Protein backbone atom coordinates (compact mmCIF):
# COMPACT_ATOMS: atom_id res chain seq x y z
CA MET A 1 -14.91 25.70 12.69
CA LYS A 2 -12.90 26.89 15.67
CA THR A 3 -13.13 25.14 18.99
CA THR A 4 -11.12 24.85 22.16
CA LEU A 5 -9.70 21.46 23.07
CA THR A 6 -8.31 20.30 26.39
CA VAL A 7 -5.32 18.01 26.72
CA THR A 8 -5.57 15.61 29.67
CA ASP A 9 -2.64 14.74 31.92
CA ARG A 10 -2.23 11.59 29.81
CA GLY A 11 -2.03 13.65 26.59
CA THR A 12 -5.49 12.72 25.33
CA ILE A 13 -7.40 15.23 23.21
CA THR A 14 -11.13 14.88 22.57
CA LEU A 15 -12.46 16.22 19.29
CA PRO A 16 -16.04 17.47 19.64
CA ALA A 17 -18.67 15.43 17.76
CA LYS A 18 -19.62 18.38 15.54
CA LEU A 19 -16.00 18.74 14.38
CA ARG A 20 -15.64 14.96 13.82
CA ARG A 21 -18.81 14.91 11.73
CA GLN A 22 -17.68 17.94 9.71
CA LEU A 23 -14.34 16.28 8.96
CA GLY A 24 -15.70 12.75 8.53
CA ILE A 25 -13.59 11.37 11.38
CA LYS A 26 -14.96 8.15 12.86
CA ALA A 27 -14.05 6.03 15.87
CA GLU A 28 -10.73 4.18 15.44
CA ASP A 29 -9.62 6.49 12.59
CA GLN A 30 -5.97 7.38 12.82
CA LEU A 31 -4.59 10.88 12.47
CA ILE A 32 -1.09 12.18 11.92
CA ALA A 33 -0.10 15.03 14.24
CA GLU A 34 2.55 17.37 12.89
CA ALA A 35 4.11 20.45 14.42
CA THR A 36 4.22 23.28 11.87
CA SER A 37 5.30 26.91 12.07
CA GLU A 38 1.61 27.81 12.49
CA GLY A 39 0.92 25.26 15.23
CA LEU A 40 -0.43 21.71 15.37
CA LEU A 41 -1.67 20.10 12.16
CA LEU A 42 -3.88 17.00 12.35
CA ARG A 43 -4.54 15.08 9.15
CA PRO A 44 -5.91 11.63 8.28
CA ALA A 45 -3.42 8.78 8.22
CA VAL A 46 -3.56 6.21 5.45
CA THR A 47 -3.28 2.71 6.83
CA LEU A 48 -2.90 -0.40 4.75
CA PRO A 49 -3.57 -3.93 5.93
CA VAL A 50 -0.54 -6.17 6.31
CA GLU A 51 -0.85 -9.75 5.20
CA ILE A 52 1.19 -12.39 6.99
CA TYR A 53 1.42 -15.69 5.13
CA THR A 54 1.89 -19.18 6.51
CA GLU A 55 4.62 -21.43 5.12
CA GLU A 56 1.90 -23.42 3.32
CA ARG A 57 0.56 -20.30 1.61
CA ILE A 58 4.06 -19.25 0.57
CA ALA A 59 4.54 -22.73 -0.92
CA GLU A 60 1.30 -22.23 -2.90
CA PHE A 61 2.65 -18.96 -4.30
CA ASP A 62 5.96 -20.63 -5.19
CA GLY A 63 4.12 -23.45 -6.97
CA ALA A 64 1.96 -21.01 -8.94
CA GLU A 65 5.04 -19.04 -9.99
CA ALA A 66 6.77 -22.25 -11.11
CA GLU A 67 3.70 -23.22 -13.18
CA LEU A 68 3.65 -19.79 -14.79
CA ALA A 69 7.37 -19.95 -15.59
CA GLU A 70 6.84 -23.37 -17.20
CA PHE A 71 3.90 -22.03 -19.21
CA TYR A 72 5.97 -19.16 -20.58
CA ARG A 73 8.92 -21.43 -21.23
CA ARG A 74 6.72 -23.65 -23.43
CA LYS A 75 5.07 -20.68 -25.17
CA ARG A 76 8.36 -18.98 -26.05
CA PRO A 77 8.96 -19.45 -29.77
CA THR A 78 12.16 -21.27 -30.62
CA ALA A 79 14.76 -19.06 -32.16
CA ARG A 80 14.92 -19.51 -35.89
CA ARG A 81 18.24 -19.37 -37.57
CA SER A 82 18.37 -17.14 -40.59
CA PRO A 83 19.61 -18.77 -43.77
CA PRO A 84 23.15 -17.73 -44.69
CA ARG A 85 23.26 -14.58 -46.75
CA ARG A 86 24.38 -14.91 -50.33
CA SER A 87 26.87 -12.50 -51.67
CA SER A 88 25.65 -10.34 -54.51
CA SER A 89 28.57 -10.74 -56.88
């Protein structure tokens, strides 16, 4: 689909509803704008949520990691010493 867009004095571009529907673009979606040799390329941006942890939550993670380390320490088989080899003389 070809369409003409207008850039406002603030740099805002409005994508027509028909084009948004065709491309599956919804309100609040983010796009990446890239200048190419052929012109302007708009493509969907992938955004990932960022988790920010409190000190208490970090302490919970540390405790769980310590428990897991202790579990594996107990489960690790003790090294067995091989009996001395006898010479075959």
